[in-house]
Structures are given as C-alpha cells and as structure tokens.
Protein backbone atom coordinates (compact mmCIF):
# COMPACT_ATOMS: atom_id res chain seq x y z
CA UNK A 1 95.26 80.37 -63.47
CA UNK A 2 94.97 79.76 -59.71
CA UNK A 3 97.76 80.42 -57.25
CA UNK A 4 98.06 76.66 -56.65
CA UNK A 5 98.56 76.03 -60.35
CA UNK A 6 101.13 78.79 -60.52
CA UNK A 7 103.01 77.28 -57.57
CA UNK A 8 102.87 74.00 -59.43
CA UNK A 9 104.47 75.78 -62.40
CA UNK A 10 107.35 76.90 -60.22
CA UNK A 11 107.83 73.74 -58.20
CA UNK A 12 107.09 71.00 -60.70
CA UNK A 13 107.97 72.29 -64.16
CA UNK A 14 111.60 71.39 -64.72
CA UNK A 15 112.31 74.26 -67.11
CA UNK A 16 110.91 76.83 -64.71
CA UNK A 17 112.74 75.25 -61.79
CA UNK A 18 116.03 75.27 -63.72
CA UNK A 19 115.51 78.93 -64.65
CA UNK A 20 114.78 79.77 -61.02
CA UNK A 21 117.89 77.95 -59.76
CA UNK A 22 120.05 79.69 -62.38
CA UNK A 23 118.64 83.07 -61.34
CA UNK A 24 119.49 82.47 -57.67
CA UNK A 25 123.04 81.38 -58.57
CA UNK A 26 123.52 84.44 -60.81
CA UNK A 27 122.36 86.84 -58.10
CA UNK A 28 124.67 85.30 -55.51
CA UNK A 29 127.64 85.13 -57.91
CA UNK A 30 127.39 88.85 -58.72
CA UNK A 31 127.30 90.08 -55.12
CA UNK A 32 128.85 93.51 -54.61
CA UNK A 33 128.95 94.57 -58.27
CA UNK A 34 126.66 95.73 -61.04
CA UNK A 35 124.76 92.62 -62.12
CA UNK A 36 122.07 93.06 -64.75
CA UNK A 37 119.69 90.09 -65.01
CA UNK A 38 116.64 89.83 -67.29
CA UNK A 39 113.60 87.85 -66.11
CA UNK A 40 111.07 86.95 -68.80
CA UNK A 41 107.49 86.00 -67.97
CA UNK A 42 104.17 86.73 -69.71
CA UNK A 43 101.96 86.39 -66.64
CA UNK A 44 102.24 89.08 -63.94
CA UNK A 45 100.72 86.91 -61.19
CA UNK A 46 103.10 84.04 -61.89
CA UNK A 47 106.03 86.47 -62.07
CA UNK A 48 105.08 87.89 -58.66
CA UNK A 49 105.13 84.38 -57.21
CA UNK A 50 108.67 83.92 -58.54
CA UNK A 51 109.77 87.26 -57.11
CA UNK A 52 108.33 86.43 -53.68
CA UNK A 53 110.12 83.11 -53.75
CA UNK A 54 113.60 84.38 -54.64
CA UNK A 55 113.32 87.32 -52.22
CA UNK A 56 112.45 84.85 -49.44
CA UNK A 57 115.36 82.55 -50.31
CA UNK A 58 117.90 85.38 -50.51
CA UNK A 59 117.03 86.90 -47.14
CA UNK A 60 118.60 87.65 -44.71
CA UNK A 61 121.92 87.81 -46.60
CA UNK A 62 120.56 90.19 -49.26
CA UNK A 63 118.44 93.32 -48.86
CA UNK A 64 115.62 93.05 -51.39
CA UNK A 65 113.66 95.89 -53.00
CA UNK A 66 111.04 96.14 -55.73
CA UNK A 67 110.55 99.24 -57.85
CA UNK A 68 107.93 99.87 -60.55
CA UNK A 69 108.64 101.86 -63.69
CA UNK A 70 106.65 105.04 -64.29
CA UNK A 71 104.28 104.39 -67.21
CA UNK A 72 104.63 107.95 -68.50
CA UNK A 73 108.40 108.27 -68.06
CA UNK A 74 109.76 104.70 -67.88
CA UNK A 75 113.34 105.60 -66.93
CA UNK A 76 115.08 102.65 -65.27
CA UNK A 77 118.01 104.71 -63.94
CA UNK A 78 115.71 107.37 -62.46
CA UNK A 79 113.57 104.73 -60.73
CA UNK A 80 116.64 103.13 -59.11
CA UNK A 81 118.18 106.50 -58.23
CA UNK A 82 114.99 107.53 -56.44
CA UNK A 83 115.04 104.28 -54.46
CA UNK A 84 118.72 104.76 -53.66
CA UNK A 85 118.11 108.18 -52.11
CA UNK A 86 115.42 106.80 -49.80
CA UNK A 87 116.87 103.49 -48.60
CA UNK A 88 119.72 103.36 -46.07
CA UNK A 89 120.69 99.80 -46.95
CA UNK A 90 121.37 100.84 -50.53
CA UNK A 91 123.54 103.78 -49.42
CA UNK A 92 125.70 101.46 -47.31
CA UNK A 93 126.30 99.21 -50.32
CA UNK A 94 125.26 96.01 -48.58
CA UNK A 95 124.36 92.98 -50.78
CA UNK A 96 121.23 94.09 -52.59
CA UNK A 97 118.75 92.79 -55.16
CA UNK A 98 116.52 95.34 -56.86
CA UNK A 99 113.57 93.89 -58.76
CA UNK A 100 112.12 96.12 -61.48
CA UNK A 101 108.54 95.57 -62.66
CA UNK A 102 106.09 97.63 -64.68
CA UNK A 103 107.63 97.10 -68.13
CA UNK A 104 104.76 94.74 -68.97
CA UNK A 105 102.35 97.70 -68.70
CA UNK A 106 104.18 99.77 -71.32
CA UNK A 107 102.24 100.05 -74.54
CA UNK A 108 103.63 99.10 -77.93
CA UNK A 109 101.57 101.20 -80.35
CA UNK A 110 102.10 104.93 -80.84
CA UNK A 111 98.56 105.64 -82.04
CA UNK A 112 99.30 109.22 -83.00
CA UNK A 113 101.95 109.91 -80.34
CA UNK A 114 105.53 110.71 -81.30
CA UNK A 115 106.77 107.70 -79.33
CA UNK A 116 105.13 104.71 -77.70
CA UNK A 117 105.76 103.99 -74.01
CA UNK A 118 107.97 101.07 -75.01
CA UNK A 119 110.06 103.24 -77.33
CA UNK A 120 110.60 105.75 -74.50
CA UNK A 121 111.73 102.89 -72.28
CA UNK A 122 114.23 101.58 -74.84
CA UNK A 123 115.55 105.10 -75.44
CA UNK A 124 116.21 105.64 -71.75
CA UNK A 125 117.98 102.28 -71.54
CA UNK A 126 120.35 103.14 -74.39
CA UNK A 127 121.24 106.57 -73.01
CA UNK A 128 121.62 105.59 -69.36
CA UNK A 129 123.53 102.33 -69.69
CA UNK A 130 126.82 103.81 -68.41
CA UNK A 131 125.08 105.41 -65.42
CA UNK A 132 123.43 102.11 -64.49
CA UNK A 133 126.85 100.47 -64.34
CA UNK A 134 127.70 102.61 -61.30
CA UNK A 135 125.15 100.74 -59.16
CA UNK A 136 126.94 97.84 -57.38
CA UNK A 137 123.74 95.81 -57.09
CA UNK A 138 121.90 92.95 -58.71
CA UNK A 139 119.12 94.40 -60.84
CA UNK A 140 116.47 91.95 -62.03
CA UNK A 141 114.49 93.60 -64.82
CA UNK A 142 111.26 91.77 -65.61
CA UNK A 143 109.91 91.88 -69.16
CA UNK A 144 107.52 89.88 -71.34
CA UNK A 145 108.63 87.83 -74.35
CA UNK A 146 107.36 90.55 -76.68
CA UNK A 147 109.39 93.16 -74.79
CA UNK A 148 112.48 90.97 -74.74
CA UNK A 149 112.44 90.60 -78.54
CA UNK A 150 112.05 94.36 -78.98
CA UNK A 151 114.71 95.04 -76.34
CA UNK A 152 117.29 93.03 -78.26
CA UNK A 153 116.61 95.07 -81.42
CA UNK A 154 116.02 98.55 -80.02
CA UNK A 155 118.42 98.73 -77.07
CA UNK A 156 121.31 96.51 -78.20
CA UNK A 157 123.96 98.27 -76.09
CA UNK A 158 121.92 97.80 -72.93
CA UNK A 159 121.15 94.21 -73.92
CA UNK A 160 124.88 93.49 -74.25
CA UNK A 161 125.38 94.29 -70.55
CA UNK A 162 123.12 91.48 -69.34
CA UNK A 163 124.65 88.74 -67.22
CA UNK A 164 121.80 86.35 -67.81
CA UNK A 165 118.31 85.92 -69.26
CA UNK A 166 115.88 83.70 -67.33
CA UNK A 167 112.74 82.62 -69.17
CA UNK A 168 109.72 81.37 -67.24
CA UNK A 169 106.93 79.61 -69.09
CA UNK A 170 103.35 80.34 -68.07
CA UNK A 171 100.21 79.31 -69.90
CA UNK A 172 98.50 82.63 -69.18
CA UNK A 173 99.96 85.53 -71.12
CA UNK A 174 99.35 89.17 -72.00
CA UNK A 175 100.22 88.90 -75.68
CA UNK A 176 98.62 87.62 -78.88
CA UNK A 177 100.23 86.02 -81.92
CA UNK A 178 100.35 87.57 -85.38
CA UNK A 179 98.18 84.76 -86.77
CA UNK A 180 95.31 85.85 -84.53
CA UNK A 181 95.07 89.27 -86.18
CA UNK A 182 95.51 88.18 -89.81
CA UNK A 183 91.73 88.43 -90.29
CA UNK A 184 91.87 92.18 -89.58
CA UNK A 185 95.03 92.98 -91.52
CA UNK A 186 93.07 95.75 -93.29
CA UNK A 187 92.82 97.60 -89.97
CA UNK A 188 96.58 97.62 -89.49
CA UNK A 189 97.44 99.64 -92.58
CA UNK A 190 99.10 102.99 -91.83
CA UNK A 191 100.24 101.72 -88.43
CA UNK A 192 103.57 100.32 -87.31
CA UNK A 193 101.92 96.88 -87.54
CA UNK A 194 101.30 97.09 -91.29
CA UNK A 195 104.14 94.74 -92.27
CA UNK A 196 104.26 91.93 -89.77
CA UNK A 197 105.64 88.43 -89.63
CA UNK A 198 102.71 86.02 -89.39
CA UNK A 199 104.93 83.54 -87.50
CA UNK A 200 105.48 85.94 -84.58
CA UNK A 201 104.05 84.25 -81.46
CA UNK A 202 104.62 87.35 -79.32
CA UNK A 203 103.18 89.93 -81.68
CA UNK A 204 101.19 92.45 -79.68
CA UNK A 205 100.10 93.07 -76.07
CA UNK A 206 96.34 92.53 -76.03
CA UNK A 207 95.80 95.91 -74.35
CA UNK A 208 97.28 97.54 -77.45
CA UNK A 209 94.77 95.75 -79.67
CA UNK A 210 91.93 97.18 -77.58
CA UNK A 211 93.39 100.67 -77.97
CA UNK A 212 93.70 100.19 -81.73
CA UNK A 213 90.02 99.23 -81.96
CA UNK A 214 89.04 102.26 -79.84
CA UNK A 215 90.99 104.56 -82.15
CA UNK A 216 89.33 103.04 -85.21
CA UNK A 217 85.92 103.54 -83.56
CA UNK A 218 86.68 107.21 -82.92
CA UNK A 219 87.94 107.79 -86.46
CA UNK A 220 85.21 105.85 -88.27
CA UNK A 221 82.76 108.26 -89.83
CA UNK A 222 80.79 105.40 -91.34
CA UNK A 223 79.90 102.25 -89.48
CA UNK A 224 80.37 99.34 -91.86
CA UNK A 225 80.85 95.58 -92.02
CA UNK A 226 84.60 95.97 -91.51
CA UNK A 227 84.05 97.48 -88.08
CA UNK A 228 81.73 94.59 -87.19
CA UNK A 229 84.48 92.23 -88.37
CA UNK A 230 86.92 93.93 -86.01
CA UNK A 231 84.57 93.38 -83.09
CA UNK A 232 84.09 89.72 -84.01
CA UNK A 233 87.84 89.15 -84.31
CA UNK A 234 88.52 90.73 -80.94
CA UNK A 235 85.75 88.71 -79.29
CA UNK A 236 87.09 85.51 -80.86
CA UNK A 237 90.60 86.29 -79.63
CA UNK A 238 89.33 86.62 -76.07
CA UNK A 239 87.24 83.45 -76.35
CA UNK A 240 90.20 81.47 -77.71
CA UNK A 241 92.40 82.77 -74.90
CA UNK A 242 89.78 81.55 -72.41
CA UNK A 243 89.54 78.16 -74.13
CA UNK A 244 93.33 77.75 -74.13
CA UNK A 245 93.75 78.93 -70.53
CA UNK A 246 95.80 81.96 -71.61
CA UNK A 247 93.66 84.68 -69.99
CA UNK A 248 95.38 86.42 -67.10
CA UNK A 249 92.03 87.49 -65.63
CA UNK A 250 89.34 85.00 -66.73
CA UNK A 251 86.27 87.03 -65.76
CA UNK A 252 87.62 90.26 -67.23
CA UNK A 253 88.43 88.67 -70.58
CA UNK A 254 85.11 86.82 -70.64
CA UNK A 255 83.32 90.14 -70.09
CA UNK A 256 85.31 91.66 -72.96
CA UNK A 257 84.47 88.73 -75.27
CA UNK A 258 80.78 89.34 -74.52
CA UNK A 259 81.12 93.13 -74.89
CA UNK A 260 82.59 92.91 -78.39
CA UNK A 261 80.07 90.32 -79.57
CA UNK A 262 77.30 92.70 -78.43
CA UNK A 263 78.94 95.55 -80.34
CA UNK A 264 79.15 93.40 -83.47
CA UNK A 265 75.56 92.25 -83.05
CA UNK A 266 74.19 95.78 -82.75
CA UNK A 267 76.11 96.90 -85.83
CA UNK A 268 75.15 93.82 -87.87
CA UNK A 269 71.47 94.41 -87.08
CA UNK A 270 71.82 98.07 -88.04
CA UNK A 271 73.42 97.09 -91.36
CA UNK A 272 70.92 94.31 -92.05
CA UNK A 273 73.55 91.54 -92.09
CA UNK A 274 71.15 88.79 -91.08
CA UNK A 275 73.45 85.78 -91.56
CA UNK A 276 76.13 87.50 -89.48
CA UNK A 277 73.48 88.30 -86.86
CA UNK A 278 72.56 84.59 -86.63
CA UNK A 279 76.22 83.62 -86.19
CA UNK A 280 76.77 86.28 -83.52
CA UNK A 281 73.63 85.24 -81.63
CA UNK A 282 74.97 81.69 -81.59
CA UNK A 283 78.45 82.75 -80.43
CA UNK A 284 77.06 84.93 -77.67
CA UNK A 285 74.87 82.04 -76.52
CA UNK A 286 77.97 79.81 -76.31
CA UNK A 287 79.67 82.33 -74.02
CA UNK A 288 76.63 82.41 -71.72
CA UNK A 289 76.32 78.62 -71.85
CA UNK A 290 79.97 78.23 -70.75
CA UNK A 291 79.12 80.21 -67.61
CA UNK A 292 75.93 78.25 -66.90
CA UNK A 293 73.85 81.34 -67.77
CA UNK A 294 71.30 79.18 -69.52
CA UNK A 295 68.33 81.53 -69.23
CA UNK A 296 70.29 84.16 -71.19
CA UNK A 297 71.62 81.69 -73.76
CA UNK A 298 68.28 80.05 -74.60
CA UNK A 299 66.47 82.99 -76.29
CA UNK A 300 69.60 83.73 -78.33
CA UNK A 301 69.76 80.16 -79.68
CA UNK A 302 66.02 80.20 -80.43
CA UNK A 303 66.45 83.48 -82.34
CA UNK A 304 69.44 82.09 -84.24
CA UNK A 305 67.52 78.94 -85.24
CA UNK A 306 64.52 80.98 -86.42
CA UNK A 307 66.79 83.28 -88.42
CA UNK A 308 68.65 80.39 -90.10
CA UNK A 309 65.30 78.78 -91.05
CA UNK A 310 64.07 82.08 -92.49
CA UNK A 311 67.27 82.70 -94.48
CA UNK A 312 68.16 79.16 -95.56
CA UNK A 313 64.97 77.16 -95.36
CA UNK A 314 64.45 73.99 -93.34
CA UNK A 315 66.99 71.89 -95.24
CA UNK A 316 70.43 73.35 -94.64
CA UNK A 317 73.47 72.16 -92.58
CA UNK A 318 73.45 75.41 -90.57
CA UNK A 319 69.90 74.65 -89.46
CA UNK A 320 71.03 71.18 -88.29
CA UNK A 321 73.92 72.78 -86.37
CA UNK A 322 71.53 75.25 -84.76
CA UNK A 323 69.18 72.44 -83.73
CA UNK A 324 72.13 70.63 -82.15
CA UNK A 325 73.18 73.76 -80.26
CA UNK A 326 69.75 74.31 -78.75
CA UNK A 327 69.43 70.62 -77.89
CA UNK A 328 72.80 70.68 -76.12
CA UNK A 329 71.68 73.64 -74.02
CA UNK A 330 68.58 71.75 -72.95
CA UNK A 331 70.64 68.66 -72.15
CA UNK A 332 72.97 70.75 -69.96
CA UNK A 333 69.90 71.81 -67.96
CA UNK A 334 68.51 68.29 -67.68
CA UNK A 335 65.61 69.19 -70.00
CA UNK A 336 65.92 65.88 -71.78
CA UNK A 337 62.40 65.67 -73.23
CA UNK A 338 62.95 68.99 -75.02
CA UNK A 339 66.46 68.08 -76.19
CA UNK A 340 65.61 64.66 -77.69
CA UNK A 341 63.39 65.71 -80.63
CA UNK A 342 65.88 68.42 -81.58
CA UNK A 343 68.80 65.96 -81.59
CA UNK A 344 66.75 63.49 -83.67
CA UNK A 345 65.83 66.23 -86.18
CA UNK A 346 69.46 67.35 -86.38
CA UNK A 347 70.68 63.78 -87.00
CA UNK A 348 68.07 63.12 -89.69
CA UNK A 349 68.79 66.44 -91.41
CA UNK A 350 72.55 65.92 -91.33
CA UNK A 351 72.20 62.45 -92.85
CA UNK A 352 69.85 63.75 -95.53
CA UNK A 353 72.04 66.71 -96.51
CA UNK A 354 75.55 65.34 -96.04
CA UNK A 355 75.11 61.62 -96.51
CA UNK A 356 75.87 58.80 -94.10
CA UNK A 357 79.64 59.21 -94.31
CA UNK A 358 80.36 62.64 -92.87
CA UNK A 359 82.04 63.77 -89.59
CA UNK A 360 78.93 65.81 -88.68
CA UNK A 361 76.88 62.61 -88.72
CA UNK A 362 79.31 61.00 -86.26
CA UNK A 363 79.08 64.10 -84.06
CA UNK A 364 75.28 64.04 -84.20
CA UNK A 365 75.18 60.32 -83.34
CA UNK A 366 77.44 61.02 -80.40
CA UNK A 367 75.22 63.88 -79.16
CA UNK A 368 72.09 61.73 -79.17
CA UNK A 369 73.94 58.86 -77.50
CA UNK A 370 75.16 61.23 -74.79
CA UNK A 371 71.60 62.35 -74.15
CA UNK A 372 70.43 58.74 -73.75
CA UNK A 373 73.42 58.01 -71.51
CA UNK A 374 72.54 61.01 -69.31
CA UNK A 375 69.06 59.52 -68.87
CA UNK A 376 70.35 56.03 -68.10
CA UNK A 377 68.96 54.73 -71.40
CA UNK A 378 72.06 52.63 -71.98
CA UNK A 379 70.59 50.13 -74.46
CA UNK A 380 69.62 53.01 -76.78
CA UNK A 381 72.93 54.83 -76.32
CA UNK A 382 75.16 51.82 -77.08
CA UNK A 383 74.42 51.30 -80.80
CA UNK A 384 74.75 55.05 -81.42
CA UNK A 385 78.15 55.18 -79.73
CA UNK A 386 79.28 52.13 -81.72
CA UNK A 387 78.14 53.73 -84.99
CA UNK A 388 79.84 57.01 -84.08
CA UNK A 389 83.11 55.21 -83.28
CA UNK A 390 83.06 53.18 -86.51
CA UNK A 391 82.29 56.24 -88.62
CA UNK A 392 84.98 58.34 -86.95
CA UNK A 393 87.57 55.61 -87.55
CA UNK A 394 86.49 55.26 -91.17
CA UNK A 395 86.62 59.00 -91.90
CA UNK A 396 89.53 60.16 -89.76
CA UNK A 397 91.69 57.07 -89.42
CA UNK A 398 92.75 55.21 -86.30
CA UNK A 399 95.05 57.96 -85.03
CA UNK A 400 92.83 60.97 -84.36
CA UNK A 401 91.74 62.71 -81.13
CA UNK A 402 88.06 62.19 -82.02
CA UNK A 403 88.65 58.43 -82.12
CA UNK A 404 90.13 58.57 -78.61
CA UNK A 405 87.12 60.59 -77.44
CA UNK A 406 84.71 58.13 -79.02
CA UNK A 407 86.50 55.14 -77.43
CA UNK A 408 86.30 56.90 -74.08
CA UNK A 409 82.54 57.53 -74.45
CA UNK A 410 81.80 53.88 -75.20
CA UNK A 411 84.05 52.74 -72.36
CA UNK A 412 82.26 55.03 -69.93
CA UNK A 413 78.92 53.57 -71.01
CA UNK A 414 80.18 50.05 -70.31
CA UNK A 415 81.70 51.13 -67.00
CA UNK A 416 78.36 52.65 -65.92
CA UNK A 417 76.69 49.30 -66.63
CA UNK A 418 79.29 47.35 -64.67
CA UNK A 419 80.62 45.79 -67.90
CA UNK A 420 84.19 46.30 -66.76
CA UNK A 421 85.84 43.67 -68.95
CA UNK A 422 84.45 45.45 -72.04
CA UNK A 423 85.27 48.93 -70.75
CA UNK A 424 88.91 48.22 -69.86
CA UNK A 425 90.40 47.61 -73.35
CA UNK A 426 88.60 50.70 -74.68
CA UNK A 427 89.96 52.90 -71.91
CA UNK A 428 93.46 51.50 -72.55
CA UNK A 429 93.18 52.23 -76.29
CA UNK A 430 91.86 55.74 -75.64
CA UNK A 431 94.67 56.48 -73.17
CA UNK A 432 97.38 55.14 -75.50
CA UNK A 433 95.99 57.11 -78.41
C-alpha cells in the first residue's frame, strides 16, 4: 500500500479517524499519571503514519518518545526504564507520551524453544505490571490483532490496567487466517497449532509460517509429496495476499510466492508428479505474467500445455484452459495473430466437452470477444459479448458479479463505437449490480 493510500486510510476512513480522535483525547485526559493505552494495527507502515501524526499534534505540550522492544528479551518495563535514565524530560516528569513498538516482530511459535518470543513478552507484562504503574506517563503499546487476542488471554492482569484500546483497520497485514492453512493441517501436528479454530482470522504471523516450513525442511529425511504440498500452500498464501492487497511489502511477498513455487516444481519433477508439475508451471507463469515478465511466462505455459496434452490427450478441459492461458499471454503482448487460433481452439474444445451451457463457455466467448475488441474488430466482438452475457445470466442469475462484468464489457464496446445511447443503460445496470 502506498503512503498516499495509507494517509487516505487515516484521513478518510471514519472508523480510523474516530479511533485516532479517541486516542488523542485519552492521552490528553491522562496527563501526569500512568496511562496505559493499546494501539492495534496489522500494518507497520500504516501504524508509523499514525504515530507520526499523533506525535505532531501533541507537540509542543507533550514530550514524545518511541522505544522498540528487544526481540530477544521483550521486557516492556526494562525498555522504558532504560529510556527514563537517558532522557531529562522524563526525569522532570513533564507531560510525556512513550510509544512502544516492536511487539509485531515477536514470533508466536516455539519451534523447539522453551518459550516463544511472544510468551516471554506476556510473562514480563504479568510480572512487571505493578512496576509499570510507577511511571506517570502515557504509554501507547502497539500490537497486532493476533497479539491483542493472545494478550487478553495470557496477560489478563496487565490487560485489566488498560485505559483504552484503539483499533486501526488496514488492508495490508502481517497475519494469515486459520482457513488459509487448513490444507496443511498435517504439518501442524505436534505443534502448538495442532488444535486450532478454523474461524480465527488472526491465526498466525506469516513469518512464523515460513519458520515452520524451514523447520520441516530441516527435519525431513525423505522428500515427499507432502513437502511439495507445503510449498504450494505457502506460495498460494502469498499470491492471495498480493491479489487481496494484504501484502505489507509487495515485491518481497511476490518473490517468496515465486520461490516456493520453484521449490515445489523441483520436488514434483524429482518425484515424477507430472500433473502437479503442469499445474505449478501454469501458476508460476501467472506470477510472471502479472509482472509483465512475458518472456519468462511463455515457455512455462508452452511446457504446461504440452504436458497436459501428453497426460490427458487433446480432448480434456484442462487442455482447453491451458490453451486459453497461452492465448491470454499473447493477447497481453499484442500478439493477436498467435492468440486468435488458440482462443478459437479453446472455445471449440470447451463447447465439445462441457456442452453449450457451461460457465467456461461464457468465459471462453468473452476471451475471444476481448481479443477482437483489442484489434478494433467490433462487429465480430459484439455477437460474442452478447452470447456471453446471455449465457452468464442463464447460468448464474441476474445478480452475480460476472453478469456485471459482462454488461460492462458490452457497454465498453458500444462506447468505443460511439453508440452512447446503447452503452449508457448497460453501464447503469452494471454499476447498480
């Protein structure tokens, strides 16, 4: 997420603005006494923007400080005490706000250690609560949603001292839901994650999942299909985070999605899992395609198509899908003459195998129409768009996102031809839907 979008989150989102206003009021109301406030945010960059903003608004009346927890010994009292000994303003007991960060870096899993970093943190909080109360300052402790839930359970005495909890919503986040790891439940046995609630939206920091995979790699004497499945799941998690805009560092998570697909691919080839190899080739190509790295995506899609044909024969839905994928890559590059015969083959094969009334037929009609539209071949695109819209309505009903998309495509075609009176009602329907 860009800095501008994050500013928009602070300035325009009513919930975030209300939380910010409440935080400012709570800091000012607790001046001159111990005032424990909990800030909750899953995106470190967005959180830093919030911190900068409230520190700016509180100056010059308040002295503002930021302290980071030690990842090895995350002792909140010790961190504040160290700051106290160094800063004159704190010793004079002037109005002060101390912001505490670093909790988001504390790891959840033990992975062979006696305690995880988070457990150490909660232990220190429980034992040092009374000592913290001697600090006549506002302390804003920043945690993630996952940490907040654990904090309530594992440091209840400390939690009871809070004067307010201020939740900030950010699309980017450092945590994954329990549903995302259900496919690799077998890898969680004999860990503290073995019995988990599948409804938990704030299940596990993604860094912990990486560490779990690394431990499994080190302990695996035999490389098998389960390890390949782990790699695929991790790659898919990163890709879905990218698609949903949840990645905190887009390029880093994209690189990790590619890294784990490669690991899966190498292992699948070694184990002779040819169908899995074809799927992984296709998924890797999609990642390259999304970056515009077409020259790297093309050979992968060609290999995948050849492998599907070898394994399944010419007449199989997966072959039609693979033809569509390669055609779409060519269309993205403006290689229309190479894309067209592939789209036509895919449409014919889909109709033959799945019948006229199938969502994949509507999708294939739409793909070919889009190609013709891109070439300015409007008279050829129009009947295909109309067929795709009719079929989508028939199969999915009037109230479905694909219907809205299909209405929009046909409207755009009419708009491009200057047929505004025909485009307008379609755009209005698509928008309403």
